[in-house]
N, C-alpha and C. Protein backbone atom coordinates (compact mmCIF):
# COMPACT_ATOMS: atom_id res chain seq x y z
N MET A 1 -12.22 -181.48 -6.21
CA MET A 1 -11.29 -182.23 -7.02
C MET A 1 -10.91 -181.40 -8.24
N LYS A 2 -9.74 -180.89 -8.20
CA LYS A 2 -9.26 -179.93 -9.20
C LYS A 2 -9.20 -180.51 -10.63
N LYS A 3 -8.67 -181.72 -10.77
CA LYS A 3 -8.54 -182.30 -12.11
C LYS A 3 -9.91 -182.51 -12.76
N TYR A 4 -10.86 -183.01 -11.97
CA TYR A 4 -12.19 -183.22 -12.52
C TYR A 4 -12.83 -181.88 -12.90
N GLU A 5 -12.72 -180.89 -12.04
CA GLU A 5 -13.30 -179.58 -12.33
C GLU A 5 -12.68 -178.97 -13.58
N SER A 6 -11.38 -179.10 -13.73
CA SER A 6 -10.70 -178.57 -14.93
C SER A 6 -11.16 -179.31 -16.17
N PHE A 7 -11.32 -180.63 -16.06
CA PHE A 7 -11.83 -181.42 -17.18
C PHE A 7 -13.22 -180.95 -17.57
N ALA A 8 -14.10 -180.82 -16.59
CA ALA A 8 -15.49 -180.42 -16.87
C ALA A 8 -15.55 -179.03 -17.52
N ARG A 9 -14.72 -178.11 -17.06
CA ARG A 9 -14.68 -176.77 -17.67
C ARG A 9 -14.14 -176.85 -19.10
N GLY A 10 -13.09 -177.61 -19.31
CA GLY A 10 -12.52 -177.76 -20.65
C GLY A 10 -13.52 -178.38 -21.61
N LEU A 11 -14.26 -179.37 -21.13
CA LEU A 11 -15.27 -180.02 -21.96
C LEU A 11 -16.40 -179.04 -22.30
N ALA A 12 -16.80 -178.23 -21.35
CA ALA A 12 -17.85 -177.24 -21.61
C ALA A 12 -17.43 -176.29 -22.74
N VAL A 13 -16.19 -175.88 -22.73
CA VAL A 13 -15.68 -175.01 -23.80
C VAL A 13 -15.68 -175.76 -25.13
N LEU A 14 -15.18 -176.97 -25.14
CA LEU A 14 -15.12 -177.76 -26.37
C LEU A 14 -16.51 -178.01 -26.94
N ALA A 15 -17.46 -178.31 -26.07
CA ALA A 15 -18.82 -178.62 -26.52
C ALA A 15 -19.51 -177.42 -27.17
N GLN A 16 -19.04 -176.22 -26.91
CA GLN A 16 -19.62 -175.01 -27.50
C GLN A 16 -19.06 -174.71 -28.89
N ALA A 17 -18.09 -175.47 -29.33
CA ALA A 17 -17.44 -175.19 -30.61
C ALA A 17 -18.45 -175.24 -31.76
N ASP A 18 -18.26 -174.36 -32.72
CA ASP A 18 -19.13 -174.22 -33.88
C ASP A 18 -18.53 -175.01 -35.05
N ARG A 19 -19.20 -176.07 -35.43
CA ARG A 19 -18.72 -176.95 -36.50
C ARG A 19 -18.56 -176.21 -37.83
N GLU A 20 -19.52 -175.41 -38.17
CA GLU A 20 -19.47 -174.68 -39.45
C GLU A 20 -18.28 -173.72 -39.50
N LEU A 21 -18.08 -172.99 -38.43
CA LEU A 21 -16.96 -172.06 -38.38
C LEU A 21 -15.63 -172.82 -38.44
N ALA A 22 -15.60 -173.99 -37.82
CA ALA A 22 -14.37 -174.80 -37.83
C ALA A 22 -14.00 -175.25 -39.23
N VAL A 23 -15.00 -175.56 -40.04
CA VAL A 23 -14.74 -175.98 -41.42
C VAL A 23 -14.18 -174.82 -42.23
N GLN A 24 -14.67 -173.64 -41.97
CA GLN A 24 -14.31 -172.46 -42.76
C GLN A 24 -13.03 -171.77 -42.30
N ASN A 25 -12.68 -171.88 -41.03
CA ASN A 25 -11.63 -171.05 -40.46
C ASN A 25 -10.52 -171.90 -39.85
N GLU A 26 -9.34 -171.83 -40.44
CA GLU A 26 -8.23 -172.68 -40.00
C GLU A 26 -7.81 -172.41 -38.56
N ILE A 27 -7.73 -171.16 -38.17
CA ILE A 27 -7.28 -170.85 -36.81
C ILE A 27 -8.32 -171.34 -35.79
N TYR A 28 -9.58 -171.22 -36.11
CA TYR A 28 -10.65 -171.72 -35.23
C TYR A 28 -10.56 -173.25 -35.13
N ARG A 29 -10.34 -173.89 -36.27
CA ARG A 29 -10.21 -175.35 -36.32
C ARG A 29 -9.03 -175.81 -35.45
N MET A 30 -7.91 -175.12 -35.57
CA MET A 30 -6.74 -175.49 -34.77
C MET A 30 -7.02 -175.27 -33.27
N GLY A 31 -7.82 -174.24 -32.97
CA GLY A 31 -8.21 -174.00 -31.59
C GLY A 31 -9.05 -175.14 -31.03
N ILE A 32 -9.93 -175.68 -31.85
CA ILE A 32 -10.75 -176.82 -31.43
C ILE A 32 -9.87 -178.03 -31.17
N ILE A 33 -8.93 -178.27 -32.06
CA ILE A 33 -8.02 -179.41 -31.88
C ILE A 33 -7.19 -179.23 -30.62
N TRP A 34 -6.72 -178.03 -30.39
CA TRP A 34 -5.94 -177.76 -29.17
C TRP A 34 -6.81 -177.98 -27.93
N GLN A 35 -8.06 -177.48 -27.97
CA GLN A 35 -8.96 -177.66 -26.82
C GLN A 35 -9.28 -179.13 -26.61
N PHE A 36 -9.42 -179.89 -27.69
CA PHE A 36 -9.63 -181.34 -27.56
C PHE A 36 -8.43 -181.98 -26.87
N ASN A 37 -7.22 -181.63 -27.30
CA ASN A 37 -6.02 -182.20 -26.68
C ASN A 37 -5.99 -181.92 -25.18
N LEU A 38 -6.27 -180.69 -24.82
CA LEU A 38 -6.28 -180.30 -23.41
C LEU A 38 -7.37 -181.06 -22.64
N THR A 39 -8.56 -181.10 -23.19
CA THR A 39 -9.68 -181.78 -22.53
C THR A 39 -9.41 -183.27 -22.38
N PHE A 40 -8.85 -183.87 -23.41
CA PHE A 40 -8.52 -185.30 -23.34
C PHE A 40 -7.49 -185.56 -22.24
N GLU A 41 -6.48 -184.74 -22.17
CA GLU A 41 -5.44 -184.89 -21.15
C GLU A 41 -6.05 -184.78 -19.75
N LEU A 42 -6.90 -183.79 -19.56
CA LEU A 42 -7.57 -183.62 -18.27
C LEU A 42 -8.51 -184.78 -17.98
N ALA A 43 -9.15 -185.32 -19.01
CA ALA A 43 -10.09 -186.43 -18.84
C ALA A 43 -9.40 -187.66 -18.28
N TRP A 44 -8.29 -188.05 -18.88
CA TRP A 44 -7.66 -189.28 -18.40
C TRP A 44 -7.03 -189.08 -17.02
N LYS A 45 -6.56 -187.87 -16.75
CA LYS A 45 -5.97 -187.61 -15.43
C LYS A 45 -7.05 -187.57 -14.34
N ALA A 46 -8.20 -187.00 -14.65
CA ALA A 46 -9.32 -187.00 -13.69
C ALA A 46 -9.81 -188.43 -13.47
N LEU A 47 -9.91 -189.20 -14.55
CA LEU A 47 -10.31 -190.60 -14.45
C LEU A 47 -9.33 -191.37 -13.58
N LYS A 48 -8.06 -191.17 -13.79
CA LYS A 48 -7.02 -191.83 -13.00
C LYS A 48 -7.19 -191.50 -11.51
N GLU A 49 -7.38 -190.22 -11.21
CA GLU A 49 -7.50 -189.80 -9.82
C GLU A 49 -8.74 -190.40 -9.15
N ILE A 50 -9.84 -190.44 -9.86
CA ILE A 50 -11.07 -190.99 -9.27
C ILE A 50 -10.98 -192.50 -9.15
N LEU A 51 -10.33 -193.15 -10.09
CA LEU A 51 -10.08 -194.60 -9.94
C LEU A 51 -9.24 -194.85 -8.69
N GLU A 52 -8.23 -194.03 -8.47
CA GLU A 52 -7.39 -194.17 -7.27
C GLU A 52 -8.24 -194.01 -6.01
N LEU A 53 -9.14 -193.03 -6.00
CA LEU A 53 -10.02 -192.82 -4.85
C LEU A 53 -10.89 -194.05 -4.57
N HIS A 54 -11.18 -194.79 -5.63
CA HIS A 54 -11.97 -196.01 -5.50
C HIS A 54 -11.10 -197.24 -5.23
N GLY A 55 -9.82 -197.03 -5.05
CA GLY A 55 -8.93 -198.12 -4.69
C GLY A 55 -8.51 -199.03 -5.83
N VAL A 56 -8.57 -198.56 -7.04
CA VAL A 56 -8.18 -199.37 -8.20
C VAL A 56 -6.66 -199.32 -8.32
N ALA A 57 -6.03 -200.45 -8.08
CA ALA A 57 -4.56 -200.52 -8.03
C ALA A 57 -3.90 -200.11 -9.34
N GLU A 58 -4.48 -200.49 -10.47
CA GLU A 58 -3.88 -200.17 -11.77
C GLU A 58 -3.80 -198.67 -12.01
N ALA A 59 -4.61 -197.91 -11.32
CA ALA A 59 -4.65 -196.46 -11.54
C ALA A 59 -3.42 -195.76 -10.98
N VAL A 60 -2.75 -196.36 -10.04
CA VAL A 60 -1.64 -195.70 -9.36
C VAL A 60 -0.50 -195.39 -10.33
N THR A 61 -0.12 -196.34 -11.13
CA THR A 61 1.01 -196.13 -12.04
C THR A 61 0.61 -196.27 -13.50
N GLY A 62 -0.67 -196.28 -13.78
CA GLY A 62 -1.14 -196.57 -15.12
C GLY A 62 -0.92 -195.48 -16.15
N SER A 63 -0.67 -195.94 -17.36
CA SER A 63 -0.61 -195.05 -18.53
C SER A 63 -2.05 -194.74 -18.93
N PRO A 64 -2.26 -193.77 -19.81
CA PRO A 64 -3.63 -193.52 -20.26
C PRO A 64 -4.32 -194.78 -20.79
N ARG A 65 -3.61 -195.57 -21.56
CA ARG A 65 -4.18 -196.81 -22.11
C ARG A 65 -4.64 -197.74 -20.98
N GLU A 66 -3.81 -197.92 -19.97
CA GLU A 66 -4.15 -198.79 -18.84
C GLU A 66 -5.32 -198.22 -18.04
N ILE A 67 -5.34 -196.92 -17.89
CA ILE A 67 -6.43 -196.26 -17.16
C ILE A 67 -7.75 -196.51 -17.88
N PHE A 68 -7.78 -196.34 -19.20
CA PHE A 68 -9.01 -196.56 -19.95
C PHE A 68 -9.44 -198.02 -19.89
N LYS A 69 -8.51 -198.93 -19.99
CA LYS A 69 -8.85 -200.35 -19.92
C LYS A 69 -9.41 -200.72 -18.54
N SER A 70 -8.83 -200.17 -17.49
CA SER A 70 -9.33 -200.43 -16.13
C SER A 70 -10.75 -199.88 -15.98
N ALA A 71 -10.96 -198.67 -16.44
CA ALA A 71 -12.29 -198.06 -16.33
C ALA A 71 -13.32 -198.84 -17.14
N TYR A 72 -12.92 -199.35 -18.29
CA TYR A 72 -13.83 -200.16 -19.12
C TYR A 72 -14.19 -201.45 -18.39
N LYS A 73 -13.21 -202.11 -17.80
CA LYS A 73 -13.47 -203.35 -17.07
C LYS A 73 -14.44 -203.14 -15.91
N LEU A 74 -14.39 -201.96 -15.31
CA LEU A 74 -15.28 -201.63 -14.20
C LEU A 74 -16.67 -201.17 -14.67
N GLY A 75 -16.81 -200.98 -15.97
CA GLY A 75 -18.09 -200.51 -16.51
C GLY A 75 -18.25 -199.01 -16.48
N TRP A 76 -17.17 -198.29 -16.21
CA TRP A 76 -17.23 -196.83 -16.18
C TRP A 76 -17.22 -196.24 -17.59
N LEU A 77 -16.66 -196.97 -18.54
CA LEU A 77 -16.66 -196.57 -19.94
C LEU A 77 -17.43 -197.63 -20.72
N SER A 78 -18.28 -197.20 -21.62
CA SER A 78 -19.09 -198.16 -22.37
C SER A 78 -18.38 -198.71 -23.60
N ASP A 79 -17.37 -198.00 -24.08
CA ASP A 79 -16.69 -198.41 -25.32
C ASP A 79 -15.20 -198.08 -25.21
N ASP A 80 -14.40 -199.09 -24.93
CA ASP A 80 -12.96 -198.82 -24.79
C ASP A 80 -12.30 -198.50 -26.12
N LYS A 81 -12.87 -198.97 -27.22
CA LYS A 81 -12.27 -198.72 -28.54
C LYS A 81 -12.25 -197.24 -28.87
N ILE A 82 -13.31 -196.52 -28.54
CA ILE A 82 -13.34 -195.09 -28.85
C ILE A 82 -12.28 -194.35 -28.03
N TRP A 83 -12.03 -194.79 -26.79
CA TRP A 83 -11.03 -194.13 -25.95
C TRP A 83 -9.62 -194.43 -26.44
N LEU A 84 -9.39 -195.65 -26.91
CA LEU A 84 -8.07 -195.98 -27.44
C LEU A 84 -7.84 -195.26 -28.78
N ASP A 85 -8.92 -195.11 -29.57
CA ASP A 85 -8.82 -194.35 -30.81
C ASP A 85 -8.57 -192.87 -30.49
N MET A 86 -9.25 -192.37 -29.47
CA MET A 86 -9.07 -190.98 -29.06
C MET A 86 -7.61 -190.74 -28.63
N LEU A 87 -7.05 -191.70 -27.92
CA LEU A 87 -5.65 -191.60 -27.50
C LEU A 87 -4.74 -191.53 -28.72
N LYS A 88 -5.00 -192.38 -29.69
CA LYS A 88 -4.20 -192.38 -30.91
C LYS A 88 -4.34 -191.06 -31.67
N LYS A 89 -5.58 -190.58 -31.81
CA LYS A 89 -5.81 -189.33 -32.53
C LYS A 89 -5.22 -188.14 -31.77
N ARG A 90 -5.27 -188.19 -30.45
CA ARG A 90 -4.66 -187.12 -29.66
C ARG A 90 -3.16 -187.07 -29.92
N ASN A 91 -2.53 -188.23 -29.99
CA ASN A 91 -1.10 -188.28 -30.26
C ASN A 91 -0.78 -187.74 -31.65
N ILE A 92 -1.67 -187.97 -32.60
CA ILE A 92 -1.50 -187.43 -33.95
C ILE A 92 -1.80 -185.93 -33.95
N ALA A 93 -2.87 -185.54 -33.26
CA ALA A 93 -3.35 -184.15 -33.28
C ALA A 93 -2.35 -183.18 -32.66
N ILE A 94 -1.52 -183.66 -31.76
CA ILE A 94 -0.52 -182.79 -31.15
C ILE A 94 0.41 -182.21 -32.22
N HIS A 95 0.61 -182.98 -33.28
CA HIS A 95 1.56 -182.59 -34.33
C HIS A 95 0.87 -182.40 -35.68
N VAL A 96 -0.38 -181.94 -35.68
CA VAL A 96 -1.09 -181.76 -36.94
C VAL A 96 -0.65 -180.47 -37.61
N TYR A 97 0.00 -180.65 -38.74
CA TYR A 97 0.40 -179.51 -39.56
C TYR A 97 -0.22 -179.63 -40.95
N ASP A 98 -0.77 -180.79 -41.23
CA ASP A 98 -1.38 -181.09 -42.52
C ASP A 98 -2.88 -180.75 -42.44
N GLU A 99 -3.35 -179.94 -43.35
CA GLU A 99 -4.74 -179.48 -43.34
C GLU A 99 -5.73 -180.64 -43.42
N GLU A 100 -5.44 -181.63 -44.24
CA GLU A 100 -6.34 -182.77 -44.39
C GLU A 100 -6.44 -183.57 -43.09
N LYS A 101 -5.31 -183.78 -42.41
CA LYS A 101 -5.33 -184.49 -41.12
C LYS A 101 -6.09 -183.68 -40.08
N ALA A 102 -5.92 -182.38 -40.10
CA ALA A 102 -6.63 -181.51 -39.15
C ALA A 102 -8.14 -181.63 -39.35
N LEU A 103 -8.59 -181.62 -40.59
CA LEU A 103 -10.02 -181.77 -40.87
C LEU A 103 -10.54 -183.12 -40.42
N THR A 104 -9.75 -184.17 -40.63
CA THR A 104 -10.15 -185.51 -40.21
C THR A 104 -10.29 -185.59 -38.70
N VAL A 105 -9.31 -185.06 -37.99
CA VAL A 105 -9.36 -185.07 -36.52
C VAL A 105 -10.55 -184.25 -36.05
N MET A 106 -10.76 -183.10 -36.63
CA MET A 106 -11.86 -182.24 -36.21
C MET A 106 -13.21 -182.92 -36.42
N LYS A 107 -13.37 -183.61 -37.53
CA LYS A 107 -14.64 -184.29 -37.80
C LYS A 107 -14.95 -185.35 -36.75
N VAL A 108 -13.95 -186.12 -36.38
CA VAL A 108 -14.18 -187.18 -35.39
C VAL A 108 -14.39 -186.58 -33.99
N ILE A 109 -13.79 -185.45 -33.73
CA ILE A 109 -14.05 -184.76 -32.46
C ILE A 109 -15.54 -184.46 -32.35
N PHE A 110 -16.11 -183.87 -33.41
CA PHE A 110 -17.53 -183.53 -33.39
C PHE A 110 -18.43 -184.77 -33.46
N ALA A 111 -18.05 -185.75 -34.25
CA ALA A 111 -18.91 -186.91 -34.46
C ALA A 111 -18.94 -187.86 -33.27
N ASP A 112 -17.79 -188.07 -32.61
CA ASP A 112 -17.72 -189.12 -31.59
C ASP A 112 -17.15 -188.68 -30.25
N TYR A 113 -16.09 -187.89 -30.29
CA TYR A 113 -15.32 -187.67 -29.07
C TYR A 113 -16.02 -186.77 -28.05
N ILE A 114 -16.70 -185.74 -28.51
CA ILE A 114 -17.39 -184.87 -27.55
C ILE A 114 -18.44 -185.68 -26.79
N ILE A 115 -19.16 -186.53 -27.48
CA ILE A 115 -20.18 -187.36 -26.82
C ILE A 115 -19.53 -188.29 -25.80
N ALA A 116 -18.44 -188.94 -26.17
CA ALA A 116 -17.74 -189.84 -25.24
C ALA A 116 -17.22 -189.08 -24.03
N LEU A 117 -16.69 -187.89 -24.25
CA LEU A 117 -16.20 -187.07 -23.15
C LEU A 117 -17.35 -186.64 -22.23
N GLN A 118 -18.50 -186.32 -22.82
CA GLN A 118 -19.66 -185.94 -22.01
C GLN A 118 -20.16 -187.13 -21.18
N ASP A 119 -20.14 -188.31 -21.77
CA ASP A 119 -20.51 -189.52 -21.02
C ASP A 119 -19.55 -189.74 -19.86
N LEU A 120 -18.27 -189.55 -20.11
CA LEU A 120 -17.28 -189.69 -19.04
C LEU A 120 -17.53 -188.66 -17.94
N ASP A 121 -17.85 -187.44 -18.32
CA ASP A 121 -18.14 -186.40 -17.35
C ASP A 121 -19.26 -186.83 -16.40
N LYS A 122 -20.33 -187.37 -16.94
CA LYS A 122 -21.45 -187.85 -16.12
C LYS A 122 -21.01 -188.98 -15.19
N GLU A 123 -20.23 -189.91 -15.74
CA GLU A 123 -19.76 -191.06 -14.95
C GLU A 123 -18.84 -190.60 -13.82
N LEU A 124 -17.92 -189.71 -14.13
CA LEU A 124 -16.99 -189.24 -13.10
C LEU A 124 -17.71 -188.45 -12.01
N SER A 125 -18.69 -187.68 -12.40
CA SER A 125 -19.47 -186.94 -11.41
C SER A 125 -20.15 -187.90 -10.45
N LYS A 126 -20.73 -188.96 -11.00
CA LYS A 126 -21.40 -189.98 -10.19
C LYS A 126 -20.40 -190.70 -9.28
N ARG A 127 -19.26 -191.09 -9.82
CA ARG A 127 -18.25 -191.83 -9.06
C ARG A 127 -17.59 -190.96 -7.98
N LEU A 128 -17.44 -189.69 -8.28
CA LEU A 128 -16.87 -188.77 -7.30
C LEU A 128 -17.82 -188.60 -6.12
N ALA A 129 -19.12 -188.53 -6.41
CA ALA A 129 -20.13 -188.39 -5.35
C ALA A 129 -20.11 -189.60 -4.42
N GLU A 130 -19.75 -190.76 -4.94
CA GLU A 130 -19.72 -191.98 -4.13
C GLU A 130 -18.63 -191.93 -3.05
N VAL A 131 -17.56 -191.19 -3.28
CA VAL A 131 -16.45 -191.16 -2.31
C VAL A 131 -16.44 -189.90 -1.46
N GLU A 132 -17.34 -189.01 -1.69
CA GLU A 132 -17.37 -187.77 -0.91
C GLU A 132 -18.16 -187.94 0.37
């Protein structure tokens, strides 16, 4: 499953990011935000595809918001609020030109989002094994 594999690789790169260097170095910080955006995009697309494999009708035409809500209802996500917040921050982060906003996004990436993405990775791996 290409989308899941791409997501897992992107997450592995993001998880290796150095918080201290990100605070000190603007280009490194922007790289982390870019990697977060990419990983998030791959995450919801992999989730959508695996939901489809499990026959979840909402996954066929669902937006990221609908995909996260469906996965939460099924118990695949433990906290839908963090995913909806991540969606909102991703939409902001795509256009981050303000240093203060970039620092805010970066802090929440390290504090909350990497952990949520890692939890999703474990869940998707388990759910993918169920249909193979």
